[in-house]
N, C-alpha and C. Protein backbone atom coordinates (compact mmCIF):
# COMPACT_ATOMS: atom_id res chain seq x y z
N UNK A 1 -27.68 -34.14 -13.78
CA UNK A 1 -27.71 -32.65 -13.65
C UNK A 1 -29.12 -32.25 -13.09
N UNK A 2 -29.12 -31.48 -11.98
CA UNK A 2 -30.38 -31.06 -11.49
C UNK A 2 -30.81 -29.80 -12.23
N UNK A 3 -31.91 -29.99 -13.02
CA UNK A 3 -32.29 -28.90 -14.01
C UNK A 3 -32.81 -27.67 -13.26
N UNK A 4 -33.63 -27.93 -12.09
CA UNK A 4 -33.97 -26.65 -11.33
C UNK A 4 -32.87 -26.00 -10.76
N UNK A 5 -31.89 -26.75 -10.28
CA UNK A 5 -30.66 -26.16 -9.69
C UNK A 5 -29.90 -25.34 -10.69
N UNK A 6 -29.73 -25.83 -11.90
CA UNK A 6 -29.01 -25.16 -12.95
C UNK A 6 -29.73 -23.88 -13.38
N UNK A 7 -31.10 -24.02 -13.43
CA UNK A 7 -31.82 -22.85 -13.73
C UNK A 7 -31.71 -21.75 -12.74
N UNK A 8 -31.72 -22.11 -11.46
CA UNK A 8 -31.54 -21.12 -10.45
C UNK A 8 -30.21 -20.39 -10.54
N UNK A 9 -29.18 -21.23 -10.84
CA UNK A 9 -27.84 -20.67 -10.93
C UNK A 9 -27.72 -19.73 -12.09
N UNK A 10 -28.28 -20.10 -13.26
CA UNK A 10 -28.21 -19.29 -14.39
C UNK A 10 -28.90 -17.88 -14.04
N UNK A 11 -30.00 -17.95 -13.43
CA UNK A 11 -30.70 -16.72 -13.13
C UNK A 11 -29.91 -15.87 -12.06
N UNK A 12 -29.32 -16.59 -11.07
CA UNK A 12 -28.52 -15.81 -10.09
C UNK A 12 -27.37 -15.12 -10.70
N UNK A 13 -26.60 -15.80 -11.61
CA UNK A 13 -25.51 -15.25 -12.22
C UNK A 13 -25.83 -14.15 -13.25
N UNK A 14 -26.91 -14.40 -13.97
CA UNK A 14 -27.33 -13.37 -14.89
C UNK A 14 -27.70 -12.06 -14.14
N UNK A 15 -28.47 -12.13 -13.12
CA UNK A 15 -28.89 -10.96 -12.35
C UNK A 15 -27.64 -10.35 -11.62
N UNK A 16 -26.68 -11.12 -11.18
CA UNK A 16 -25.51 -10.62 -10.52
C UNK A 16 -24.71 -9.75 -11.38
N UNK A 17 -24.50 -10.09 -12.67
CA UNK A 17 -23.77 -9.29 -13.61
C UNK A 17 -24.50 -8.33 -14.41
N UNK A 18 -25.84 -8.23 -14.03
CA UNK A 18 -26.64 -7.17 -14.69
C UNK A 18 -27.13 -7.49 -16.17
N UNK A 19 -27.28 -8.75 -16.45
CA UNK A 19 -27.78 -9.07 -17.86
C UNK A 19 -29.24 -9.40 -17.78
N UNK A 20 -30.04 -9.04 -18.81
CA UNK A 20 -31.37 -9.46 -18.98
C UNK A 20 -31.46 -10.78 -19.71
N UNK A 21 -32.69 -11.43 -19.68
CA UNK A 21 -32.81 -12.67 -20.40
C UNK A 21 -32.45 -12.38 -21.87
N UNK A 22 -32.99 -11.31 -22.38
CA UNK A 22 -32.74 -11.00 -23.82
C UNK A 22 -31.28 -10.85 -24.12
N UNK A 23 -30.48 -10.36 -23.18
CA UNK A 23 -29.07 -10.18 -23.39
C UNK A 23 -28.42 -11.54 -23.51
N UNK A 24 -28.76 -12.46 -22.62
CA UNK A 24 -28.24 -13.80 -22.66
C UNK A 24 -28.70 -14.48 -23.93
N UNK A 25 -29.92 -14.34 -24.35
CA UNK A 25 -30.45 -15.02 -25.60
C UNK A 25 -29.64 -14.50 -26.76
N UNK A 26 -29.48 -13.17 -26.87
CA UNK A 26 -28.80 -12.58 -27.97
C UNK A 26 -27.31 -13.13 -28.11
N UNK A 27 -26.68 -13.24 -27.00
CA UNK A 27 -25.21 -13.71 -26.99
C UNK A 27 -25.23 -15.22 -27.44
N UNK A 28 -26.24 -15.92 -27.04
CA UNK A 28 -26.32 -17.36 -27.36
C UNK A 28 -26.91 -17.60 -28.73
N UNK A 29 -27.60 -16.61 -29.29
CA UNK A 29 -28.27 -16.73 -30.56
C UNK A 29 -29.50 -17.78 -30.37
N UNK A 30 -30.20 -17.57 -29.30
CA UNK A 30 -31.42 -18.39 -29.05
C UNK A 30 -32.55 -17.42 -28.76
N UNK A 31 -33.73 -17.95 -28.67
CA UNK A 31 -34.98 -17.12 -28.24
C UNK A 31 -34.92 -16.81 -26.83
N UNK A 32 -35.48 -15.70 -26.44
CA UNK A 32 -35.62 -15.38 -24.97
C UNK A 32 -36.44 -16.34 -24.24
N UNK A 33 -37.47 -17.05 -24.86
CA UNK A 33 -38.25 -18.05 -24.24
C UNK A 33 -37.38 -19.22 -23.83
N UNK A 34 -36.32 -19.46 -24.64
CA UNK A 34 -35.43 -20.66 -24.18
C UNK A 34 -34.77 -20.36 -22.88
N UNK A 35 -34.25 -19.16 -22.72
CA UNK A 35 -33.60 -18.72 -21.44
C UNK A 35 -34.57 -18.82 -20.34
N UNK A 36 -35.80 -18.36 -20.55
CA UNK A 36 -36.80 -18.41 -19.54
C UNK A 36 -37.15 -19.85 -19.10
N UNK A 37 -37.26 -20.76 -20.09
CA UNK A 37 -37.55 -22.12 -19.73
C UNK A 37 -36.44 -22.79 -18.92
N UNK A 38 -35.17 -22.40 -19.29
CA UNK A 38 -33.99 -22.96 -18.50
C UNK A 38 -33.99 -22.48 -17.12
N UNK A 39 -34.31 -21.19 -16.85
CA UNK A 39 -34.36 -20.61 -15.54
C UNK A 39 -35.48 -21.21 -14.70
N UNK A 40 -36.56 -21.48 -15.40
CA UNK A 40 -37.74 -22.01 -14.65
C UNK A 40 -37.71 -23.57 -14.52
N UNK A 41 -36.66 -24.25 -15.02
CA UNK A 41 -36.49 -25.68 -14.98
C UNK A 41 -37.54 -26.38 -15.78
N UNK A 42 -37.96 -25.75 -16.91
CA UNK A 42 -38.96 -26.44 -17.70
C UNK A 42 -38.56 -27.38 -18.82
N UNK A 43 -37.12 -27.35 -19.09
CA UNK A 43 -36.65 -28.15 -20.05
C UNK A 43 -36.00 -29.43 -19.35
N UNK A 44 -35.98 -30.49 -20.14
CA UNK A 44 -35.40 -31.71 -19.61
C UNK A 44 -33.84 -31.79 -19.61
N UNK A 45 -33.26 -31.03 -20.50
CA UNK A 45 -31.76 -31.11 -20.59
C UNK A 45 -31.30 -29.93 -21.34
N UNK A 46 -30.22 -29.33 -20.87
CA UNK A 46 -29.49 -28.38 -21.61
C UNK A 46 -28.16 -28.95 -22.12
N UNK A 47 -28.01 -28.85 -23.46
CA UNK A 47 -26.83 -29.51 -24.01
C UNK A 47 -25.52 -28.88 -23.56
N UNK A 48 -24.50 -29.70 -23.37
CA UNK A 48 -23.25 -29.37 -22.89
C UNK A 48 -22.55 -28.13 -23.67
N UNK A 49 -22.59 -28.10 -24.89
CA UNK A 49 -22.08 -26.89 -25.55
C UNK A 49 -22.76 -25.59 -25.17
N UNK A 50 -24.04 -25.67 -24.94
CA UNK A 50 -24.73 -24.47 -24.41
C UNK A 50 -24.35 -24.12 -23.06
N UNK A 51 -24.15 -25.10 -22.20
CA UNK A 51 -23.71 -24.85 -20.81
C UNK A 51 -22.35 -24.20 -20.75
N UNK A 52 -21.52 -24.65 -21.74
CA UNK A 52 -20.07 -24.01 -21.80
C UNK A 52 -20.24 -22.60 -22.23
N UNK A 53 -21.05 -22.28 -23.26
CA UNK A 53 -21.24 -20.84 -23.65
C UNK A 53 -21.87 -20.07 -22.60
N UNK A 54 -22.89 -20.55 -21.87
CA UNK A 54 -23.53 -19.87 -20.80
C UNK A 54 -22.49 -19.56 -19.67
N UNK A 55 -21.56 -20.47 -19.37
CA UNK A 55 -20.60 -20.18 -18.38
C UNK A 55 -19.75 -18.98 -18.73
N UNK A 56 -19.31 -18.96 -20.02
CA UNK A 56 -18.49 -17.87 -20.44
C UNK A 56 -19.30 -16.59 -20.38
N UNK A 57 -20.54 -16.52 -20.84
CA UNK A 57 -21.33 -15.29 -20.83
C UNK A 57 -21.56 -14.80 -19.32
N UNK A 58 -21.88 -15.80 -18.46
CA UNK A 58 -22.12 -15.49 -17.11
C UNK A 58 -20.92 -15.39 -16.21
N UNK A 59 -19.78 -15.40 -16.75
CA UNK A 59 -18.46 -15.23 -16.05
C UNK A 59 -18.29 -16.20 -14.93
N UNK A 60 -18.58 -17.47 -15.24
CA UNK A 60 -18.34 -18.53 -14.19
C UNK A 60 -17.86 -19.77 -14.88
N UNK A 61 -18.04 -20.88 -14.27
CA UNK A 61 -17.54 -22.13 -14.87
C UNK A 61 -18.69 -23.10 -15.08
N UNK A 62 -18.59 -24.01 -16.06
CA UNK A 62 -19.56 -24.94 -16.40
C UNK A 62 -19.97 -25.85 -15.18
N UNK A 63 -18.99 -26.27 -14.47
CA UNK A 63 -19.29 -27.21 -13.41
C UNK A 63 -20.03 -26.56 -12.23
N UNK A 64 -19.83 -25.27 -12.12
CA UNK A 64 -20.63 -24.51 -11.11
C UNK A 64 -22.15 -24.53 -11.48
N UNK A 65 -22.31 -24.21 -12.76
CA UNK A 65 -23.73 -24.06 -13.28
C UNK A 65 -24.39 -25.45 -13.19
N UNK A 66 -23.67 -26.50 -13.44
CA UNK A 66 -24.27 -27.87 -13.51
C UNK A 66 -24.38 -28.49 -12.10
N UNK A 67 -23.87 -27.73 -11.05
CA UNK A 67 -24.00 -28.20 -9.67
C UNK A 67 -22.95 -29.14 -9.19
N UNK A 68 -21.87 -29.19 -9.92
CA UNK A 68 -20.69 -30.03 -9.56
C UNK A 68 -19.92 -29.43 -8.43
N UNK A 69 -20.08 -28.17 -8.06
CA UNK A 69 -19.54 -27.60 -6.84
C UNK A 69 -20.52 -26.51 -6.34
N UNK A 70 -20.49 -26.22 -5.04
CA UNK A 70 -21.37 -25.39 -4.44
C UNK A 70 -20.94 -23.96 -4.52
N UNK A 71 -19.73 -23.68 -4.18
CA UNK A 71 -19.22 -22.25 -4.11
C UNK A 71 -18.98 -21.74 -5.53
N UNK A 72 -19.34 -20.50 -5.71
CA UNK A 72 -19.11 -19.78 -7.00
C UNK A 72 -18.11 -18.72 -6.79
N UNK A 73 -17.00 -18.79 -7.48
CA UNK A 73 -15.89 -17.80 -7.27
C UNK A 73 -15.50 -17.18 -8.57
N UNK A 74 -15.30 -16.00 -8.61
CA UNK A 74 -14.98 -15.18 -9.87
C UNK A 74 -13.51 -15.44 -10.19
N UNK A 75 -13.30 -15.40 -11.57
CA UNK A 75 -11.93 -15.46 -12.10
C UNK A 75 -11.22 -16.73 -11.72
N UNK A 76 -11.94 -17.74 -11.49
CA UNK A 76 -11.23 -19.01 -11.15
C UNK A 76 -11.77 -20.09 -12.09
N UNK A 77 -10.86 -20.96 -12.55
CA UNK A 77 -11.33 -22.05 -13.39
C UNK A 77 -12.13 -23.06 -12.62
N UNK A 78 -12.79 -24.01 -13.26
CA UNK A 78 -13.54 -24.99 -12.57
C UNK A 78 -12.77 -25.93 -11.66
N UNK A 79 -13.26 -26.06 -10.50
CA UNK A 79 -12.64 -27.05 -9.59
C UNK A 79 -13.42 -28.34 -9.59
N UNK A 80 -12.91 -29.54 -9.81
CA UNK A 80 -13.65 -30.73 -9.89
C UNK A 80 -14.01 -31.36 -8.44
N UNK A 81 -15.21 -31.72 -8.28
CA UNK A 81 -15.54 -32.34 -7.04
C UNK A 81 -16.15 -33.83 -7.24
N UNK A 82 -16.43 -34.12 -8.50
CA UNK A 82 -16.88 -35.37 -8.85
C UNK A 82 -15.77 -36.33 -9.43
N UNK A 83 -15.96 -37.64 -9.34
CA UNK A 83 -14.93 -38.51 -9.72
C UNK A 83 -15.01 -38.99 -11.28
N UNK A 84 -16.07 -38.64 -11.90
CA UNK A 84 -16.27 -39.13 -13.23
C UNK A 84 -15.60 -38.16 -14.24
N UNK A 85 -16.17 -36.99 -14.39
CA UNK A 85 -15.67 -36.03 -15.27
C UNK A 85 -15.66 -34.62 -14.67
N UNK A 86 -14.88 -33.75 -15.30
CA UNK A 86 -14.89 -32.33 -14.92
C UNK A 86 -14.58 -31.50 -16.08
N UNK A 87 -14.54 -30.20 -15.85
CA UNK A 87 -14.29 -29.31 -16.99
C UNK A 87 -12.99 -28.55 -16.56
N UNK A 88 -12.06 -28.42 -17.69
CA UNK A 88 -10.73 -27.80 -17.44
C UNK A 88 -10.69 -26.61 -18.42
N UNK A 89 -9.97 -25.60 -18.08
CA UNK A 89 -9.88 -24.52 -19.11
C UNK A 89 -8.91 -24.83 -20.24
N UNK A 90 -9.25 -24.27 -21.40
CA UNK A 90 -8.42 -24.37 -22.57
C UNK A 90 -7.72 -23.03 -22.63
N UNK A 91 -6.43 -22.99 -22.46
CA UNK A 91 -5.66 -21.77 -22.36
C UNK A 91 -5.26 -21.28 -23.78
N UNK A 92 -5.31 -19.96 -23.93
CA UNK A 92 -4.91 -19.37 -25.26
C UNK A 92 -3.39 -19.30 -25.34
N UNK A 93 -2.72 -18.92 -24.23
CA UNK A 93 -1.25 -18.75 -24.21
C UNK A 93 -0.65 -19.30 -22.90
N UNK A 94 0.59 -19.66 -22.88
CA UNK A 94 1.22 -20.18 -21.71
C UNK A 94 2.26 -19.26 -21.15
N UNK A 95 2.22 -17.95 -21.73
CA UNK A 95 3.13 -16.87 -21.13
C UNK A 95 2.18 -15.56 -21.03
N UNK A 96 2.49 -14.83 -20.02
CA UNK A 96 3.37 -15.06 -18.90
C UNK A 96 2.74 -16.01 -17.87
N UNK A 97 3.53 -16.57 -17.05
CA UNK A 97 3.04 -17.67 -16.08
C UNK A 97 2.00 -17.20 -15.15
N UNK A 98 2.16 -16.01 -14.68
CA UNK A 98 1.15 -15.45 -13.70
C UNK A 98 -0.15 -15.20 -14.29
N UNK A 99 -0.24 -15.17 -15.51
CA UNK A 99 -1.56 -14.89 -16.26
C UNK A 99 -2.28 -16.09 -16.78
N UNK A 100 -1.83 -17.28 -16.49
CA UNK A 100 -2.33 -18.46 -17.06
C UNK A 100 -3.79 -18.68 -16.88
N UNK A 101 -4.29 -18.54 -15.68
CA UNK A 101 -5.67 -18.82 -15.37
C UNK A 101 -6.55 -17.59 -15.31
N UNK A 102 -6.07 -16.44 -15.92
CA UNK A 102 -6.96 -15.29 -16.04
C UNK A 102 -8.08 -15.59 -16.90
N UNK A 103 -9.28 -14.96 -16.67
CA UNK A 103 -10.41 -15.25 -17.57
C UNK A 103 -10.16 -14.92 -19.07
N UNK A 104 -9.31 -13.89 -19.34
CA UNK A 104 -9.06 -13.56 -20.67
C UNK A 104 -8.22 -14.48 -21.41
N UNK A 105 -7.48 -15.34 -20.63
CA UNK A 105 -6.65 -16.35 -21.26
C UNK A 105 -7.29 -17.73 -21.53
N UNK A 106 -8.57 -17.79 -21.19
CA UNK A 106 -9.29 -19.03 -21.42
C UNK A 106 -10.23 -18.89 -22.61
N UNK A 107 -10.09 -19.84 -23.60
CA UNK A 107 -10.86 -19.77 -24.75
C UNK A 107 -12.14 -20.63 -24.60
N UNK A 108 -12.22 -21.37 -23.52
CA UNK A 108 -13.35 -22.27 -23.27
C UNK A 108 -12.96 -23.36 -22.25
N UNK A 109 -13.82 -24.39 -22.21
CA UNK A 109 -13.53 -25.45 -21.25
C UNK A 109 -13.71 -26.74 -22.04
N UNK A 110 -13.06 -27.76 -21.50
CA UNK A 110 -13.10 -29.09 -22.08
C UNK A 110 -13.30 -30.17 -20.99
N UNK A 111 -14.04 -31.19 -21.30
CA UNK A 111 -14.27 -32.32 -20.39
C UNK A 111 -12.97 -33.06 -20.21
N UNK A 112 -12.70 -33.39 -18.94
CA UNK A 112 -11.55 -34.17 -18.57
C UNK A 112 -11.84 -35.16 -17.54
N UNK A 113 -11.01 -36.16 -17.33
CA UNK A 113 -11.24 -37.10 -16.22
C UNK A 113 -11.48 -36.44 -14.89
N UNK A 114 -12.39 -36.94 -14.07
CA UNK A 114 -12.71 -36.22 -12.85
C UNK A 114 -11.60 -36.12 -11.83
N UNK A 115 -10.58 -36.94 -11.90
CA UNK A 115 -9.49 -36.81 -10.99
C UNK A 115 -8.57 -35.64 -11.24
N UNK A 116 -8.65 -35.00 -12.43
CA UNK A 116 -7.85 -33.83 -12.74
C UNK A 116 -8.38 -32.70 -11.94
N UNK A 117 -7.52 -31.72 -11.63
CA UNK A 117 -7.81 -30.51 -10.85
C UNK A 117 -7.36 -29.38 -11.61
N UNK A 118 -8.17 -28.31 -11.73
CA UNK A 118 -7.80 -26.96 -12.28
C UNK A 118 -6.64 -26.49 -11.43
N UNK A 119 -5.68 -25.91 -12.16
CA UNK A 119 -4.47 -25.43 -11.52
C UNK A 119 -3.29 -26.42 -11.57
N UNK A 120 -3.71 -27.66 -11.61
CA UNK A 120 -2.72 -28.73 -11.82
C UNK A 120 -2.80 -29.29 -13.22
N UNK A 121 -3.97 -29.32 -13.78
CA UNK A 121 -4.17 -29.80 -15.19
C UNK A 121 -4.91 -28.71 -15.93
N UNK A 122 -4.61 -28.63 -17.21
CA UNK A 122 -5.33 -27.63 -18.09
C UNK A 122 -5.06 -28.12 -19.54
N UNK A 123 -5.81 -27.61 -20.42
CA UNK A 123 -5.67 -27.82 -21.96
C UNK A 123 -5.03 -26.71 -22.66
N UNK A 124 -4.36 -27.03 -23.72
CA UNK A 124 -3.85 -26.10 -24.65
C UNK A 124 -4.07 -26.60 -26.03
N UNK A 125 -4.17 -25.69 -26.96
CA UNK A 125 -4.42 -26.16 -28.35
C UNK A 125 -3.09 -26.19 -29.15
N UNK A 126 -2.81 -27.26 -29.84
CA UNK A 126 -1.59 -27.30 -30.72
C UNK A 126 -1.73 -26.26 -31.83
N UNK A 127 -0.68 -25.47 -32.04
CA UNK A 127 -0.81 -24.34 -33.01
C UNK A 127 0.09 -24.55 -34.25
N UNK A 128 0.81 -25.69 -34.40
CA UNK A 128 1.64 -25.90 -35.56
C UNK A 128 1.74 -27.33 -35.91
N UNK A 129 2.61 -27.76 -36.91
CA UNK A 129 2.68 -29.15 -37.26
C UNK A 129 3.96 -29.76 -36.71
N UNK A 130 4.61 -29.18 -35.83
CA UNK A 130 5.90 -29.67 -35.31
C UNK A 130 5.90 -31.08 -34.71
N UNK A 131 4.63 -31.51 -34.24
CA UNK A 131 4.54 -32.79 -33.65
C UNK A 131 3.74 -33.78 -34.45
N UNK A 132 3.52 -33.41 -35.75
CA UNK A 132 2.86 -34.35 -36.72
C UNK A 132 3.81 -35.58 -36.98
N UNK A 133 3.27 -36.71 -37.25
CA UNK A 133 1.89 -36.98 -37.43
C UNK A 133 1.09 -37.33 -36.14
N UNK A 134 1.76 -37.39 -34.98
CA UNK A 134 1.03 -37.76 -33.77
C UNK A 134 0.09 -36.74 -33.37
N UNK A 135 0.36 -35.38 -33.52
CA UNK A 135 -0.51 -34.36 -33.08
C UNK A 135 -0.67 -33.43 -34.29
N UNK A 136 -1.86 -33.02 -34.50
CA UNK A 136 -2.13 -32.16 -35.63
C UNK A 136 -2.59 -30.75 -35.08
N UNK A 137 -2.51 -29.73 -35.97
CA UNK A 137 -2.97 -28.43 -35.58
C UNK A 137 -4.43 -28.49 -35.13
N UNK A 138 -4.68 -27.74 -34.08
CA UNK A 138 -6.02 -27.67 -33.42
C UNK A 138 -6.30 -28.82 -32.49
N UNK A 139 -5.50 -29.86 -32.42
CA UNK A 139 -5.59 -30.80 -31.45
C UNK A 139 -5.53 -30.21 -30.02
N UNK A 140 -6.16 -30.81 -29.04
CA UNK A 140 -6.05 -30.35 -27.65
C UNK A 140 -5.10 -31.28 -26.90
N UNK A 141 -4.16 -30.71 -26.13
CA UNK A 141 -3.37 -31.50 -25.25
C UNK A 141 -3.66 -31.28 -23.74
N UNK A 142 -3.79 -32.28 -23.00
CA UNK A 142 -4.06 -32.18 -21.63
C UNK A 142 -2.70 -32.10 -20.85
N UNK A 143 -2.43 -31.10 -20.23
CA UNK A 143 -1.09 -30.79 -19.51
C UNK A 143 -1.18 -30.86 -18.04
N UNK A 144 -0.32 -31.63 -17.42
CA UNK A 144 -0.15 -31.64 -15.99
C UNK A 144 1.01 -30.60 -15.60
N UNK A 145 0.66 -29.59 -14.89
CA UNK A 145 1.62 -28.54 -14.55
C UNK A 145 2.68 -29.12 -13.60
N UNK A 146 3.91 -29.08 -14.09
CA UNK A 146 5.03 -29.60 -13.28
C UNK A 146 6.30 -28.92 -13.86
N UNK A 147 7.37 -28.77 -12.95
CA UNK A 147 8.59 -28.09 -13.31
C UNK A 147 9.75 -28.91 -13.73
N UNK A 148 9.53 -30.25 -13.75
CA UNK A 148 10.60 -31.17 -14.09
C UNK A 148 10.01 -32.38 -14.93
N UNK A 149 10.83 -32.95 -15.80
CA UNK A 149 10.43 -34.03 -16.63
C UNK A 149 11.47 -35.13 -16.66
N UNK A 150 10.98 -36.37 -16.95
CA UNK A 150 11.91 -37.43 -17.19
C UNK A 150 12.25 -37.50 -18.62
N UNK A 151 13.43 -37.86 -19.01
CA UNK A 151 13.86 -38.00 -20.44
C UNK A 151 12.87 -38.88 -21.17
N UNK A 152 12.43 -38.42 -22.30
CA UNK A 152 11.44 -39.15 -23.15
C UNK A 152 10.07 -38.66 -22.93
N UNK A 153 9.81 -37.85 -22.02
CA UNK A 153 8.38 -37.32 -21.76
C UNK A 153 8.09 -36.22 -22.77
N UNK A 154 6.75 -36.15 -23.17
CA UNK A 154 6.33 -35.05 -23.98
C UNK A 154 5.95 -33.83 -23.13
N UNK A 155 6.57 -32.68 -23.33
CA UNK A 155 6.36 -31.61 -22.46
C UNK A 155 6.01 -30.35 -23.22
N UNK A 156 5.72 -29.35 -22.38
CA UNK A 156 5.50 -27.93 -22.91
C UNK A 156 6.45 -27.01 -22.34
N UNK A 157 7.11 -26.17 -23.04
CA UNK A 157 8.19 -25.40 -22.62
C UNK A 157 8.01 -23.94 -23.13
N UNK A 158 8.54 -22.95 -22.32
CA UNK A 158 8.43 -21.57 -22.71
C UNK A 158 9.89 -21.12 -22.86
N UNK A 159 10.31 -20.61 -24.02
CA UNK A 159 11.60 -20.15 -24.38
C UNK A 159 11.73 -18.69 -24.09
N UNK A 160 12.58 -18.25 -23.21
CA UNK A 160 12.93 -16.89 -22.87
C UNK A 160 11.71 -16.11 -22.57
N UNK A 161 10.66 -16.79 -21.97
CA UNK A 161 9.47 -16.12 -21.56
C UNK A 161 8.78 -15.41 -22.73
N UNK A 162 8.91 -16.04 -23.96
CA UNK A 162 8.27 -15.36 -25.11
C UNK A 162 7.35 -16.30 -25.83
N UNK A 163 7.99 -17.37 -26.15
CA UNK A 163 7.17 -18.34 -27.01
C UNK A 163 7.12 -19.73 -26.38
N UNK A 164 5.97 -20.51 -26.47
CA UNK A 164 5.87 -21.74 -25.95
C UNK A 164 5.88 -22.80 -27.05
N UNK A 165 6.44 -23.98 -26.73
CA UNK A 165 6.56 -25.05 -27.79
C UNK A 165 6.21 -26.34 -27.05
N UNK A 166 5.75 -27.26 -28.00
CA UNK A 166 5.51 -28.62 -27.56
C UNK A 166 6.57 -29.49 -28.14
N UNK A 167 7.27 -30.26 -27.21
CA UNK A 167 8.45 -31.00 -27.69
C UNK A 167 8.63 -32.25 -26.81
N UNK A 168 9.36 -33.27 -27.36
CA UNK A 168 9.85 -34.39 -26.52
C UNK A 168 11.09 -33.89 -25.78
N UNK A 169 11.15 -34.25 -24.51
CA UNK A 169 12.26 -33.78 -23.63
C UNK A 169 13.28 -34.89 -23.62
N UNK A 170 14.54 -34.70 -24.04
CA UNK A 170 15.60 -35.76 -24.01
C UNK A 170 16.81 -35.22 -23.37
N UNK A 171 17.33 -35.94 -22.39
CA UNK A 171 18.50 -35.48 -21.69
C UNK A 171 19.62 -36.46 -22.06
N UNK A 172 20.82 -35.90 -22.55
CA UNK A 172 21.95 -36.72 -22.94
C UNK A 172 23.16 -36.13 -22.14
N UNK A 173 23.51 -36.69 -21.06
CA UNK A 173 24.63 -36.16 -20.30
C UNK A 173 24.26 -34.71 -19.77
N UNK A 174 25.06 -33.81 -20.23
CA UNK A 174 24.92 -32.32 -19.87
C UNK A 174 24.14 -31.52 -20.96
N UNK A 175 23.63 -32.31 -21.88
CA UNK A 175 22.84 -31.62 -23.00
C UNK A 175 21.39 -31.98 -22.84
N UNK A 176 20.54 -30.99 -23.11
CA UNK A 176 19.10 -31.13 -23.12
C UNK A 176 18.69 -30.89 -24.53
N UNK A 177 17.78 -31.82 -25.10
CA UNK A 177 17.32 -31.69 -26.45
C UNK A 177 15.86 -31.68 -26.40
N UNK A 178 15.27 -30.67 -27.10
CA UNK A 178 13.80 -30.55 -27.20
C UNK A 178 13.57 -30.96 -28.65
N UNK A 179 12.98 -32.14 -28.84
CA UNK A 179 12.91 -32.73 -30.21
C UNK A 179 11.36 -32.82 -30.66
N UNK A 180 11.16 -32.31 -31.95
CA UNK A 180 9.93 -32.44 -32.59
C UNK A 180 9.75 -33.76 -33.23
N UNK A 181 8.53 -34.25 -33.41
CA UNK A 181 8.24 -35.41 -34.10
C UNK A 181 8.37 -35.24 -35.64
N UNK A 182 7.98 -34.02 -36.11
CA UNK A 182 8.13 -33.76 -37.51
C UNK A 182 9.53 -33.46 -37.90
N UNK A 183 10.12 -34.30 -38.87
CA UNK A 183 11.59 -34.09 -39.13
C UNK A 183 11.94 -32.77 -39.74
N UNK A 184 10.92 -32.05 -40.26
CA UNK A 184 11.18 -30.72 -40.86
C UNK A 184 11.44 -29.62 -39.76
N UNK A 185 11.22 -30.00 -38.50
CA UNK A 185 11.54 -28.99 -37.47
C UNK A 185 12.76 -29.54 -36.83
N UNK A 186 13.86 -28.73 -36.81
CA UNK A 186 15.11 -29.09 -36.22
C UNK A 186 15.07 -29.13 -34.66
N UNK A 187 15.81 -30.09 -34.09
CA UNK A 187 15.85 -30.31 -32.70
C UNK A 187 16.51 -28.98 -32.07
N UNK A 188 16.01 -28.64 -30.86
CA UNK A 188 16.64 -27.54 -30.02
C UNK A 188 17.58 -28.18 -29.05
N UNK A 189 18.84 -27.82 -29.13
CA UNK A 189 19.85 -28.37 -28.12
C UNK A 189 20.32 -27.26 -27.28
N UNK A 190 20.40 -27.59 -25.94
CA UNK A 190 20.82 -26.64 -24.92
C UNK A 190 21.87 -27.31 -23.95
N UNK A 191 22.84 -26.46 -23.55
CA UNK A 191 23.70 -26.86 -22.46
C UNK A 191 22.95 -26.73 -21.21
N UNK A 192 23.48 -27.21 -20.10
CA UNK A 192 22.75 -27.12 -18.91
C UNK A 192 22.54 -25.67 -18.53
N UNK A 193 23.53 -24.87 -18.76
CA UNK A 193 23.46 -23.37 -18.43
C UNK A 193 22.44 -22.72 -19.34
N UNK A 194 22.42 -23.06 -20.61
CA UNK A 194 21.46 -22.41 -21.62
C UNK A 194 20.00 -22.84 -21.22
N UNK A 195 19.87 -24.07 -20.73
CA UNK A 195 18.48 -24.56 -20.52
C UNK A 195 17.92 -23.85 -19.28
N UNK A 196 18.68 -23.12 -18.49
CA UNK A 196 18.14 -22.35 -17.33
C UNK A 196 17.12 -21.25 -17.84
N UNK A 197 17.34 -20.84 -19.07
CA UNK A 197 16.41 -19.78 -19.56
C UNK A 197 15.09 -20.46 -20.17
N UNK A 198 14.98 -21.69 -20.12
CA UNK A 198 13.72 -22.45 -20.60
C UNK A 198 12.94 -22.81 -19.37
N UNK A 199 11.67 -22.48 -19.44
CA UNK A 199 10.76 -22.89 -18.33
C UNK A 199 9.90 -24.08 -18.80
N UNK A 200 9.92 -25.07 -17.96
CA UNK A 200 9.12 -26.27 -18.14
C UNK A 200 7.73 -25.94 -17.57
N UNK A 201 6.79 -26.00 -18.44
CA UNK A 201 5.32 -25.67 -18.04
C UNK A 201 4.77 -26.95 -17.54
N UNK A 202 4.90 -28.08 -18.10
CA UNK A 202 4.36 -29.34 -17.65
C UNK A 202 4.46 -30.46 -18.65
N UNK A 203 3.86 -31.60 -18.27
CA UNK A 203 3.99 -32.74 -19.06
C UNK A 203 2.59 -33.08 -19.75
N UNK A 204 2.66 -33.37 -21.04
CA UNK A 204 1.35 -33.77 -21.73
C UNK A 204 1.00 -35.18 -21.37
N UNK A 205 -0.16 -35.36 -20.90
CA UNK A 205 -0.69 -36.66 -20.52
C UNK A 205 -1.61 -37.32 -21.47
N UNK A 206 -2.31 -36.58 -22.27
CA UNK A 206 -3.19 -37.12 -23.34
C UNK A 206 -3.55 -36.06 -24.36
N UNK A 207 -4.16 -36.45 -25.40
CA UNK A 207 -4.54 -35.49 -26.42
C UNK A 207 -5.90 -35.74 -27.01
N UNK A 208 -6.55 -34.76 -27.57
CA UNK A 208 -7.90 -35.02 -28.22
C UNK A 208 -7.78 -34.44 -29.60
N UNK A 209 -8.28 -35.19 -30.57
CA UNK A 209 -8.18 -34.76 -32.02
C UNK A 209 -9.53 -34.00 -32.30
N UNK A 210 -9.40 -32.88 -32.99
CA UNK A 210 -10.54 -32.04 -33.40
C UNK A 210 -10.61 -32.08 -34.86
N UNK A 211 -11.77 -32.61 -35.34
CA UNK A 211 -12.03 -32.68 -36.79
C UNK A 211 -12.56 -31.40 -37.37
């Protein structure tokens, strides 16, 4: 991370949206002198959680502040340009589809493999125990956005454009089954015609457990 570069970007974004150093300090619950040192490049390192909070306050993305990309664009999730790691948005909701990557629908950013790209990959938080014991509430799942799945894949689905669920996708002839891992949650069965009202959001590629 180029500390001078990140300091310059913090200052540019802060001034662009009309915030004072004290405004940023208050939102972060730090001293104004800390913000001044960051902008002047006087500190050796800014911790990643602080960078993530700064990005939300400054209405930009962490990888822009950290110099992982040159162009700064509003209302756009981070685009990865390095091969090691990148930041992807954690989405609050998966409906409606056109609002997925609105700033209001992002609760934060999470590190992901650098080959992932925003718009193709994103995170969502597990909100129930339907996939226990493999996935617990508050776990994060990394989702690759795609409209079709192979039988046996773990996917994310939107039912009637109202609710989204995390289920195993199983196809048996003309029947589609969305199966939970937790036996207390009944399987959802659809005929081919009925399944047309279900939108496949994407495939779960990995998960992160949050303690």
